[in-house]
């Protein structure tokens, strides 16, 4: 069973870090950022720009446990 909760603003950095690692091998991300250093530097900001407001509107809902 999956448990989902609303991520608080204080969890934003952790959620973005998880997303950065999760998409590291994604073909589209590799095309946008072929250099791993560029990916690690710029992808977190990309996530903040496109998804950061989700934290303000209770829309960031990470899965916290898989049983």
C-alpha atoms as a PDB file:
ATOM      1  CA  UNK A   1       0.000   0.000   0.000  1.00  0.00           C
ATOM      2  CA  UNK A   2       1.186   3.494  -0.803  1.00  0.00           C
ATOM      3  CA  UNK A   3       1.044   6.340   1.658  1.00  0.00           C
ATOM      4  CA  UNK A   4       0.983   9.856   0.278  1.00  0.00           C
ATOM      5  CA  UNK A   5       1.239  13.105   2.182  1.00  0.00           C
ATOM      6  CA  UNK A   6       1.357  16.768   1.260  1.00  0.00           C
ATOM      7  CA  UNK A   7       4.963  17.966   1.276  1.00  0.00           C
ATOM      8  CA  UNK A   8       5.645  21.088   3.299  1.00  0.00           C
ATOM      9  CA  UNK A   9       7.776  23.966   2.037  1.00  0.00           C
ATOM     10  CA  UNK A  10      10.467  22.780   4.454  1.00  0.00           C
ATOM     11  CA  UNK A  11      10.669  19.507   2.465  1.00  0.00           C
ATOM     12  CA  UNK A  12      11.102  21.192  -0.921  1.00  0.00           C
ATOM     13  CA  UNK A  13      14.876  20.679  -1.141  1.00  0.00           C
ATOM     14  CA  UNK A  14      14.550  16.983  -0.276  1.00  0.00           C
ATOM     15  CA  UNK A  15      11.771  16.407  -2.820  1.00  0.00           C
ATOM     16  CA  UNK A  16      13.732  18.205  -5.540  1.00  0.00           C
ATOM     17  CA  UNK A  17      16.823  16.137  -4.716  1.00  0.00           C
ATOM     18  CA  UNK A  18      14.822  12.929  -5.114  1.00  0.00           C
ATOM     19  CA  UNK A  19      13.400  14.114  -8.440  1.00  0.00           C
ATOM     20  CA  UNK A  20      16.883  15.057  -9.632  1.00  0.00           C
ATOM     21  CA  UNK A  21      18.171  11.563  -8.915  1.00  0.00           C
ATOM     22  CA  UNK A  22      15.041   9.911 -10.321  1.00  0.00           C
ATOM     23  CA  UNK A  23      15.362  11.634 -13.705  1.00  0.00           C
ATOM     24  CA  UNK A  24      19.157  11.376 -14.034  1.00  0.00           C
ATOM     25  CA  UNK A  25      18.889   8.662 -16.734  1.00  0.00           C
ATOM     26  CA  UNK A  26      15.778  10.016 -18.429  1.00  0.00           C
ATOM     27  CA  UNK A  27      16.418  10.385 -22.200  1.00  0.00           C
ATOM     28  CA  UNK A  28      14.844  13.843 -22.386  1.00  0.00           C
ATOM     29  CA  UNK A  29      16.894  15.105 -19.444  1.00  0.00           C
ATOM     30  CA  UNK A  30      20.047  13.609 -20.956  1.00  0.00           C
ATOM     31  CA  UNK A  31      19.256  15.478 -24.179  1.00  0.00           C
ATOM     32  CA  UNK A  32      18.694  18.774 -22.342  1.00  0.00           C
ATOM     33  CA  UNK A  33      21.726  18.294 -20.100  1.00  0.00           C
ATOM     34  CA  UNK A  34      24.200  15.903 -21.756  1.00  0.00           C
ATOM     35  CA  UNK A  35      26.937  16.832 -19.274  1.00  0.00           C
ATOM     36  CA  UNK A  36      26.257  15.331 -15.802  1.00  0.00           C
ATOM     37  CA  UNK A  37      27.707  18.411 -14.107  1.00  0.00           C
ATOM     38  CA  UNK A  38      25.300  20.677 -15.971  1.00  0.00           C
ATOM     39  CA  UNK A  39      22.403  18.360 -15.127  1.00  0.00           C
ATOM     40  CA  UNK A  40      23.176  18.406 -11.402  1.00  0.00           C
ATOM     41  CA  UNK A  41      23.632  22.169 -11.469  1.00  0.00           C
ATOM     42  CA  UNK A  42      20.599  23.191 -13.555  1.00  0.00           C
ATOM     43  CA  UNK A  43      17.920  20.487 -13.271  1.00  0.00           C
ATOM     44  CA  UNK A  44      16.997  21.315  -9.652  1.00  0.00           C
ATOM     45  CA  UNK A  45      16.306  24.911 -10.718  1.00  0.00           C
ATOM     46  CA  UNK A  46      14.219  23.615 -13.648  1.00  0.00           C
ATOM     47  CA  UNK A  47      12.123  21.630 -11.157  1.00  0.00           C
ATOM     48  CA  UNK A  48      11.764  24.664  -8.884  1.00  0.00           C
ATOM     49  CA  UNK A  49      10.625  26.843 -11.797  1.00  0.00           C
ATOM     50  CA  UNK A  50       8.010  24.385 -13.045  1.00  0.00           C
ATOM     51  CA  UNK A  51       6.910  22.728  -9.840  1.00  0.00           C
ATOM     52  CA  UNK A  52       7.949  24.920  -6.944  1.00  0.00           C
ATOM     53  CA  UNK A  53       4.532  26.547  -6.564  1.00  0.00           C
ATOM     54  CA  UNK A  54       3.040  23.124  -5.890  1.00  0.00           C
ATOM     55  CA  UNK A  55       4.441  23.465  -2.370  1.00  0.00           C
ATOM     56  CA  UNK A  56       2.549  26.739  -1.909  1.00  0.00           C
ATOM     57  CA  UNK A  57      -0.738  25.174  -3.040  1.00  0.00           C
ATOM     58  CA  UNK A  58      -0.508  21.784  -1.285  1.00  0.00           C
ATOM     59  CA  UNK A  59       0.031  20.065  -4.628  1.00  0.00           C
ATOM     60  CA  UNK A  60       3.365  18.374  -3.905  1.00  0.00           C
ATOM     61  CA  UNK A  61       2.418  14.909  -2.720  1.00  0.00           C
ATOM     62  CA  UNK A  62       5.352  12.499  -2.503  1.00  0.00           C
ATOM     63  CA  UNK A  63       4.923   8.832  -1.707  1.00  0.00           C
ATOM     64  CA  UNK A  64       6.532   8.255   1.678  1.00  0.00           C
ATOM     65  CA  UNK A  65       6.174   4.489   2.175  1.00  0.00           C
ATOM     66  CA  UNK A  66       5.684   1.466   0.012  1.00  0.00           C
ATOM     67  CA  UNK A  67       4.485  -1.584   1.895  1.00  0.00           C
END
